[in-house]
């Protein structure tokens, strides 16, 4: 998702103004105005809003349909700006309304770096408490900004990036504890934003590895945690073969689990 937008911003200037030239904000804005909105919502890595003028952020939101903020460091002022810009975009009655997403790296902020997932001590509680406070702060800031601008901009997604734990093939207790940690974070967000879309980075992703097929499933998840979808990491887009496999892996995983659930339902 992030790569799509940054290809638009960086690849075109390289052709137009030279390999090492830095385009001006005015030139970037001109290029963005020529682009049509994407056919689906594209959430991104958190945006550094201080680097965006309102005009540039407007075009970004118009094209991608979303403004992504940091859950850890996002401020009420950033939420205010995001709501204001989304309202301006939606005034044009786009097919896909612009909305807000929040990125958050759970189990990376307070939980002890050397502790196993089975630990439920003080840093475990601090991690969940921090998540709760940050999500409530985002909710309250969104409510305030919507009231200020007399609009109803929604927070439509929370994007979790959690790469702290790895499953172990010989330790069911370890894997169960991982799942419980992910579910605890999931439940906090869902209580605060009941209709939110919650995405896990690289859930069900595959990567080159030692296996009969030459590919292995990422070990971040046991895949029995709460979640409705799978995802892939597209860091090698120019390498078409790799990109096709990266994209196909999560799709096959999703289809396999749907079939398994349907089969279980017959008994």
Protein backbone atom coordinates (compact mmCIF):
# COMPACT_ATOMS: atom_id res chain seq x y z
CA UNK A 1 0.00 0.00 0.00
CA UNK A 2 2.72 2.42 0.95
CA UNK A 3 4.75 1.50 -2.12
CA UNK A 4 1.92 2.41 -4.50
CA UNK A 5 1.79 6.02 -3.37
CA UNK A 6 5.53 6.51 -3.08
CA UNK A 7 6.09 5.13 -6.57
CA UNK A 8 3.72 7.81 -7.81
CA UNK A 9 5.61 10.52 -5.98
CA UNK A 10 9.18 9.45 -6.64
CA UNK A 11 9.33 7.61 -9.94
CA UNK A 12 7.75 10.37 -12.01
CA UNK A 13 10.11 13.14 -10.84
CA UNK A 14 13.08 10.97 -11.75
CA UNK A 15 11.92 10.97 -15.35
CA UNK A 16 10.94 14.60 -15.50
CA UNK A 17 13.64 16.48 -13.65
CA UNK A 18 16.63 14.18 -13.65
CA UNK A 19 17.91 11.33 -11.52
CA UNK A 20 19.31 13.44 -8.68
CA UNK A 21 16.99 16.42 -8.81
CA UNK A 22 14.56 17.21 -5.98
CA UNK A 23 11.17 18.38 -7.28
CA UNK A 24 9.51 21.32 -5.58
CA UNK A 25 6.27 20.95 -3.67
CA UNK A 26 4.57 22.90 -6.45
CA UNK A 27 5.78 20.41 -9.05
CA UNK A 28 4.68 17.40 -6.96
CA UNK A 29 1.29 19.02 -6.45
CA UNK A 30 0.94 19.52 -10.20
CA UNK A 31 1.68 15.86 -10.86
CA UNK A 32 -0.74 14.67 -8.19
CA UNK A 33 -3.57 16.78 -9.57
CA UNK A 34 -3.25 14.87 -12.85
CA UNK A 35 -3.82 11.47 -11.19
CA UNK A 36 -7.17 9.75 -10.84
CA UNK A 37 -8.33 8.30 -7.51
CA UNK A 38 -7.29 4.70 -6.90
CA UNK A 39 -10.01 2.06 -7.30
CA UNK A 40 -9.67 0.93 -3.67
CA UNK A 41 -8.75 2.52 -0.36
CA UNK A 42 -4.98 2.57 0.12
CA UNK A 43 -3.93 2.95 3.73
CA UNK A 44 -0.29 3.82 4.23
CA UNK A 45 2.55 4.09 6.68
CA UNK A 46 1.80 6.99 9.09
CA UNK A 47 2.12 10.32 7.36
CA UNK A 48 4.39 13.04 8.71
CA UNK A 49 1.73 15.72 8.38
CA UNK A 50 4.20 18.49 9.15
CA UNK A 51 5.71 17.79 5.73
CA UNK A 52 2.37 18.23 3.95
CA UNK A 53 0.66 21.45 3.04
CA UNK A 54 -3.14 21.31 3.10
CA UNK A 55 -3.12 21.31 -0.71
CA UNK A 56 -0.72 18.37 -0.90
CA UNK A 57 -2.59 16.42 1.78
CA UNK A 58 -5.85 17.05 -0.07
CA UNK A 59 -4.50 15.47 -3.26
CA UNK A 60 -3.01 12.58 -1.30
CA UNK A 61 -6.36 11.86 0.37
CA UNK A 62 -8.24 12.32 -2.90
CA UNK A 63 -6.08 9.71 -4.62
CA UNK A 64 -5.69 7.16 -1.80
CA UNK A 65 -9.03 7.80 0.01
CA UNK A 66 -7.29 7.77 3.40
CA UNK A 67 -5.03 9.65 5.78
CA UNK A 68 -3.00 7.41 8.10
CA UNK A 69 -1.83 8.62 11.50
CA UNK A 70 0.48 7.20 14.13
CA UNK A 71 -1.36 5.70 17.08
CA UNK A 72 1.67 6.13 19.35
CA UNK A 73 2.57 9.72 18.50
CA UNK A 74 -0.47 11.13 16.73
CA UNK A 75 -1.84 14.35 18.23
CA UNK A 76 -5.27 15.94 18.42
CA UNK A 77 -3.97 18.64 16.06
CA UNK A 78 -3.12 15.99 13.46
CA UNK A 79 -6.55 14.43 13.81
CA UNK A 80 -8.08 17.88 13.40
CA UNK A 81 -6.13 18.49 10.19
CA UNK A 82 -6.99 15.04 8.84
CA UNK A 83 -10.71 15.55 9.49
CA UNK A 84 -10.64 18.97 7.86
CA UNK A 85 -8.96 17.62 4.71
CA UNK A 86 -11.20 14.55 4.50
CA UNK A 87 -14.25 16.82 4.71
CA UNK A 88 -12.92 18.89 1.81
CA UNK A 89 -12.29 15.75 -0.27
CA UNK A 90 -15.73 14.32 0.50
CA UNK A 91 -17.41 17.59 -0.48
CA UNK A 92 -16.69 16.50 -4.05
CA UNK A 93 -18.84 13.38 -3.45
CA UNK A 94 -16.22 10.77 -4.44
CA UNK A 95 -17.31 7.16 -4.94
CA UNK A 96 -15.12 6.21 -1.97
CA UNK A 97 -15.26 8.70 0.93
CA UNK A 98 -11.94 9.70 2.46
CA UNK A 99 -11.38 8.40 5.98
CA UNK A 100 -8.70 8.03 8.65
CA UNK A 101 -6.57 5.05 9.68
CA UNK A 102 -4.35 4.56 12.72
CA UNK A 103 -1.10 2.59 12.64
CA UNK A 104 0.18 1.02 15.84
CA UNK A 105 3.09 -1.30 16.70
CA UNK A 106 1.66 -3.36 19.53
CA UNK A 107 3.98 -5.33 21.89
CA UNK A 108 6.90 -3.11 20.93
CA UNK A 109 6.40 -0.17 23.31
CA UNK A 110 6.45 -1.42 26.90
CA UNK A 111 6.61 -5.20 26.90
CA UNK A 112 10.05 -6.46 27.93
CA UNK A 113 12.21 -7.15 24.88
CA UNK A 114 13.66 -10.36 26.32
CA UNK A 115 10.44 -11.70 27.86
CA UNK A 116 8.58 -14.69 26.38
CA UNK A 117 4.97 -14.21 25.24
CA UNK A 118 3.87 -16.25 28.26
CA UNK A 119 4.81 -13.36 30.55
CA UNK A 120 1.78 -11.43 31.83
CA UNK A 121 3.55 -9.20 34.33
CA UNK A 122 3.86 -5.44 34.67
CA UNK A 123 5.13 -4.68 31.16
CA UNK A 124 2.35 -6.82 29.68
CA UNK A 125 -0.21 -4.71 31.52
CA UNK A 126 1.58 -1.48 30.64
CA UNK A 127 1.51 -2.38 26.92
CA UNK A 128 -2.25 -2.91 26.92
CA UNK A 129 -2.91 0.15 29.05
CA UNK A 130 -0.90 2.32 26.68
CA UNK A 131 -2.81 0.95 23.70
CA UNK A 132 -6.13 1.62 25.42
CA UNK A 133 -5.21 5.21 26.28
CA UNK A 134 -3.91 5.97 22.79
CA UNK A 135 -7.01 4.56 21.10
CA UNK A 136 -9.33 6.43 23.44
CA UNK A 137 -7.36 9.61 22.76
CA UNK A 138 -7.78 9.09 19.01
CA UNK A 139 -11.51 8.46 19.46
CA UNK A 140 -11.98 11.60 21.55
CA UNK A 141 -9.93 13.75 19.16
CA UNK A 142 -11.96 12.45 16.22
CA UNK A 143 -15.24 13.23 17.99
CA UNK A 144 -14.06 16.74 18.80
CA UNK A 145 -12.85 17.45 15.25
CA UNK A 146 -16.07 16.15 13.72
CA UNK A 147 -18.07 18.45 15.97
CA UNK A 148 -15.82 21.39 15.10
CA UNK A 149 -16.16 20.89 11.34
CA UNK A 150 -19.76 19.63 11.47
CA UNK A 151 -18.95 16.43 9.64
CA UNK A 152 -18.84 12.66 10.21
CA UNK A 153 -15.39 11.54 9.09
CA UNK A 154 -14.81 7.97 10.18
CA UNK A 155 -11.81 6.13 11.49
CA UNK A 156 -12.10 3.04 9.32
CA UNK A 157 -8.99 0.98 10.09
CA UNK A 158 -6.41 0.20 12.73
CA UNK A 159 -3.26 -1.26 11.20
CA UNK A 160 -1.23 -3.35 13.64
CA UNK A 161 2.44 -4.02 12.99
CA UNK A 162 3.71 -6.65 15.44
CA UNK A 163 7.01 -8.38 14.71
CA UNK A 164 8.12 -9.04 18.30
CA UNK A 165 7.19 -12.73 18.57
CA UNK A 166 7.79 -15.80 16.39
CA UNK A 167 5.96 -19.11 16.60
CA UNK A 168 7.77 -22.29 17.64
CA UNK A 169 6.90 -25.61 16.04
CA UNK A 170 7.70 -27.50 19.24
CA UNK A 171 6.06 -25.22 21.81
CA UNK A 172 2.24 -25.08 21.81
CA UNK A 173 2.16 -23.07 25.05
CA UNK A 174 4.40 -20.40 23.51
CA UNK A 175 2.20 -20.14 20.41
CA UNK A 176 -0.99 -20.03 22.49
CA UNK A 177 0.44 -17.15 24.53
CA UNK A 178 1.26 -15.25 21.32
CA UNK A 179 -2.32 -15.65 20.14
CA UNK A 180 -3.66 -14.44 23.48
CA UNK A 181 -1.48 -11.33 23.28
CA UNK A 182 -2.72 -10.49 19.79
CA UNK A 183 -6.33 -11.12 20.81
CA UNK A 184 -5.96 -8.86 23.85
CA UNK A 185 -4.86 -5.97 21.61
CA UNK A 186 -7.58 -6.76 19.08
CA UNK A 187 -10.28 -6.73 21.77
CA UNK A 188 -9.19 -3.34 23.13
CA UNK A 189 -9.46 -1.71 19.72
CA UNK A 190 -12.77 -3.37 18.94
CA UNK A 191 -14.31 -2.19 22.22
CA UNK A 192 -13.33 1.40 21.47
CA UNK A 193 -14.13 1.25 17.74
CA UNK A 194 -16.79 -1.51 17.41
CA UNK A 195 -17.07 -1.34 13.60
CA UNK A 196 -13.39 -0.82 12.84
CA UNK A 197 -11.37 -2.81 10.34
CA UNK A 198 -8.35 -4.32 12.09
CA UNK A 199 -5.43 -5.45 9.94
CA UNK A 200 -2.28 -7.33 11.00
CA UNK A 201 0.90 -6.65 9.05
CA UNK A 202 2.16 -9.79 7.25
CA UNK A 203 -0.48 -12.09 8.72
CA UNK A 204 -0.31 -15.20 6.53
CA UNK A 205 2.52 -13.72 4.45
CA UNK A 206 5.06 -15.96 2.76
CA UNK A 207 8.74 -15.44 2.02
CA UNK A 208 11.58 -17.39 0.40
CA UNK A 209 12.66 -20.16 2.76
CA UNK A 210 13.76 -23.74 3.27
CA UNK A 211 10.72 -25.82 2.34
CA UNK A 212 9.69 -28.23 -0.46
CA UNK A 213 8.14 -25.32 -2.36
CA UNK A 214 10.96 -22.87 -1.63
CA UNK A 215 8.55 -20.66 0.32
CA UNK A 216 7.74 -20.46 4.04
CA UNK A 217 4.92 -18.81 5.96
CA UNK A 218 5.99 -15.86 8.12
CA UNK A 219 6.25 -16.94 11.76
CA UNK A 220 4.73 -13.83 13.32
CA UNK A 221 1.36 -15.54 13.82
CA UNK A 222 -0.06 -18.93 14.70
CA UNK A 223 -3.02 -17.94 12.48
CA UNK A 224 -5.64 -18.77 15.11
CA UNK A 225 -5.71 -15.20 16.43
CA UNK A 226 -8.64 -12.87 15.77
CA UNK A 227 -8.54 -11.41 12.28
CA UNK A 228 -10.57 -11.40 9.10
CA UNK A 229 -7.89 -11.12 6.44
CA UNK A 230 -4.32 -11.83 5.47
CA UNK A 231 -1.62 -9.64 4.01
CA UNK A 232 1.66 -9.63 2.15
CA UNK A 233 4.75 -7.45 2.13
CA UNK A 234 5.52 -5.97 -1.28
CA UNK A 235 9.09 -4.75 -1.00
CA UNK A 236 10.22 -6.17 -4.35
CA UNK A 237 7.56 -4.87 -6.71
CA UNK A 238 9.88 -4.65 -9.78
CA UNK A 239 10.62 -8.39 -9.42
CA UNK A 240 7.40 -9.68 -10.99
CA UNK A 241 7.87 -13.36 -10.12
CA UNK A 242 8.45 -12.66 -6.44
CA UNK A 243 5.57 -10.17 -6.32
CA UNK A 244 3.13 -12.69 -7.80
CA UNK A 245 4.13 -15.31 -5.23
CA UNK A 246 4.05 -12.84 -2.33
CA UNK A 247 0.53 -11.79 -3.36
CA UNK A 248 -0.74 -15.31 -4.04
CA UNK A 249 0.39 -16.78 -0.72
CA UNK A 250 -2.07 -14.95 1.56
CA UNK A 251 -4.88 -15.49 -0.95
CA UNK A 252 -4.29 -19.24 -0.92
CA UNK A 253 -4.16 -19.14 2.89
CA UNK A 254 -7.47 -17.29 3.07
CA UNK A 255 -9.15 -19.69 0.67
CA UNK A 256 -7.80 -22.70 2.56
CA UNK A 257 -9.13 -21.45 5.89
CA UNK A 258 -12.56 -20.63 4.42
CA UNK A 259 -12.82 -24.17 3.05
CA UNK A 260 -11.70 -25.62 6.39
CA UNK A 261 -14.31 -23.62 8.31
CA UNK A 262 -17.03 -24.67 5.85
CA UNK A 263 -16.02 -28.31 6.21
CA UNK A 264 -16.12 -28.09 10.00
CA UNK A 265 -19.58 -26.56 9.80
CA UNK A 266 -20.95 -29.72 8.23
CA UNK A 267 -20.23 -31.81 11.31
